[in-house]
Amino acid sequence: MDQTQVLSDSRKSEILLPLFSAFLIVNFLFFIDEGYYDFRWMAEWGNWLVFGIYMIMFFPIQWGISHFLFPRLTGWKKIAALVGLTLPLTILLFWIVS
């Protein structure tokens, strides 16, 4: 395997894993909040707009946690660590704010 190919795969993983974990967290939050425990929220374009805004807010947080707190983890372990750390903290923050 070429060195540039290895570097490229590493860069993709650096972006895709935090993006996927942000998607899981935001999708869960919309499932319990916007959809009232179902996925009917997906039928309205306004909810997708807010979903995009949440993704824009959550992705940098997930990337920072992934890059600085869990640099040695890879694959599903990194996703589990990201979701396992940030989902309870997010729910706690929403509970404190509301």
Protein backbone atom coordinates (compact mmCIF):
# COMPACT_ATOMS: atom_id res chain seq x y z
CA MET A 1 0.00 0.00 0.00
CA ASP A 2 1.27 3.44 -0.91
CA GLN A 3 2.12 5.89 1.89
CA THR A 4 -0.31 8.48 0.53
CA GLN A 5 -3.09 5.87 0.58
CA VAL A 6 -2.43 5.10 4.25
CA LEU A 7 -2.42 8.80 5.09
CA SER A 8 -5.63 9.35 3.15
CA ASP A 9 -7.41 6.50 4.96
CA SER A 10 -6.29 7.92 8.30
CA ARG A 11 -7.64 11.37 7.38
CA LYS A 12 -10.99 9.89 6.30
CA SER A 13 -11.26 8.04 9.59
CA GLU A 14 -10.46 11.24 11.48
CA ILE A 15 -13.45 12.94 9.85
CA LEU A 16 -15.95 10.10 9.40
CA LEU A 17 -15.95 8.69 12.93
CA PRO A 18 -16.76 12.02 14.66
CA LEU A 19 -19.29 12.77 11.90
CA PHE A 20 -20.99 9.41 12.43
CA SER A 21 -21.06 9.80 16.21
CA ALA A 22 -22.48 13.34 15.86
CA PHE A 23 -25.14 11.92 13.53
CA LEU A 24 -26.06 9.22 16.06
CA ILE A 25 -26.37 11.70 18.91
CA VAL A 26 -28.36 14.29 16.95
CA ASN A 27 -30.62 11.60 15.50
CA PHE A 28 -31.31 10.28 19.02
CA LEU A 29 -32.08 13.78 20.29
CA PHE A 30 -34.48 14.39 17.42
CA PHE A 31 -36.06 10.98 17.99
CA ILE A 32 -36.92 11.82 21.61
CA ASP A 33 -37.58 15.55 21.23
CA GLU A 34 -38.86 16.48 17.77
CA GLY A 35 -40.48 13.17 16.87
CA TYR A 36 -41.93 12.28 20.28
CA TYR A 37 -40.24 8.87 20.18
CA ASP A 38 -40.73 8.19 16.48
CA PHE A 39 -39.30 9.36 13.19
CA ARG A 40 -42.21 11.47 11.92
CA TRP A 41 -40.01 14.54 12.26
CA MET A 42 -38.26 13.48 9.04
CA ALA A 43 -41.32 14.42 6.97
CA GLU A 44 -40.92 18.16 7.56
CA TRP A 45 -38.17 20.18 5.87
CA GLY A 46 -37.95 22.65 8.77
CA ASN A 47 -36.85 19.88 11.09
CA TRP A 48 -34.12 18.92 8.62
CA LEU A 49 -32.90 22.52 8.69
CA VAL A 50 -32.61 22.41 12.48
CA PHE A 51 -31.04 18.93 12.22
CA GLY A 52 -28.35 20.45 10.00
CA ILE A 53 -27.73 23.24 12.50
CA TYR A 54 -27.36 20.69 15.31
CA MET A 55 -24.94 18.68 13.17
CA ILE A 56 -22.89 21.82 12.53
CA MET A 57 -22.72 22.38 16.30
CA PHE A 58 -22.05 18.78 17.32
CA PHE A 59 -19.47 17.78 14.71
CA PRO A 60 -16.67 20.13 15.90
CA ILE A 61 -17.29 19.01 19.48
CA GLN A 62 -17.09 15.36 18.44
CA TRP A 63 -13.99 16.00 16.36
CA GLY A 64 -12.27 17.81 19.24
CA ILE A 65 -13.06 15.04 21.70
CA SER A 66 -11.95 12.44 19.16
CA HIS A 67 -8.75 14.26 18.33
CA PHE A 68 -7.66 15.31 21.82
CA LEU A 69 -9.18 12.83 24.29
CA PHE A 70 -9.22 9.60 22.27
CA PRO A 71 -6.38 9.82 19.72
CA ARG A 72 -5.34 6.17 20.09
CA LEU A 73 -8.78 4.57 19.78
CA THR A 74 -10.00 3.44 16.37
CA GLY A 75 -13.13 2.07 14.77
CA TRP A 76 -16.16 1.12 16.82
CA LYS A 77 -14.30 1.68 20.10
CA LYS A 78 -13.85 5.35 19.25
CA ILE A 79 -17.52 5.71 18.25
CA ALA A 80 -18.62 4.02 21.48
CA ALA A 81 -16.36 6.28 23.53
CA LEU A 82 -17.57 9.43 21.74
CA VAL A 83 -21.25 8.58 22.05
CA GLY A 84 -20.85 7.19 25.55
CA LEU A 85 -19.18 10.38 26.76
CA THR A 86 -21.13 13.08 24.98
CA LEU A 87 -24.68 11.70 25.02
CA PRO A 88 -25.00 11.69 28.83
CA LEU A 89 -23.31 15.10 29.03
CA THR A 90 -25.68 16.52 26.41
CA ILE A 91 -28.76 15.15 28.16
CA LEU A 92 -27.46 16.53 31.47
CA LEU A 93 -26.89 19.94 29.86
CA PHE A 94 -30.42 20.00 28.39
CA TRP A 95 -31.83 18.95 31.76
CA ILE A 96 -29.95 21.74 33.56
CA VAL A 97 -30.96 24.38 30.99
CA SER A 98 -34.66 23.46 30.91
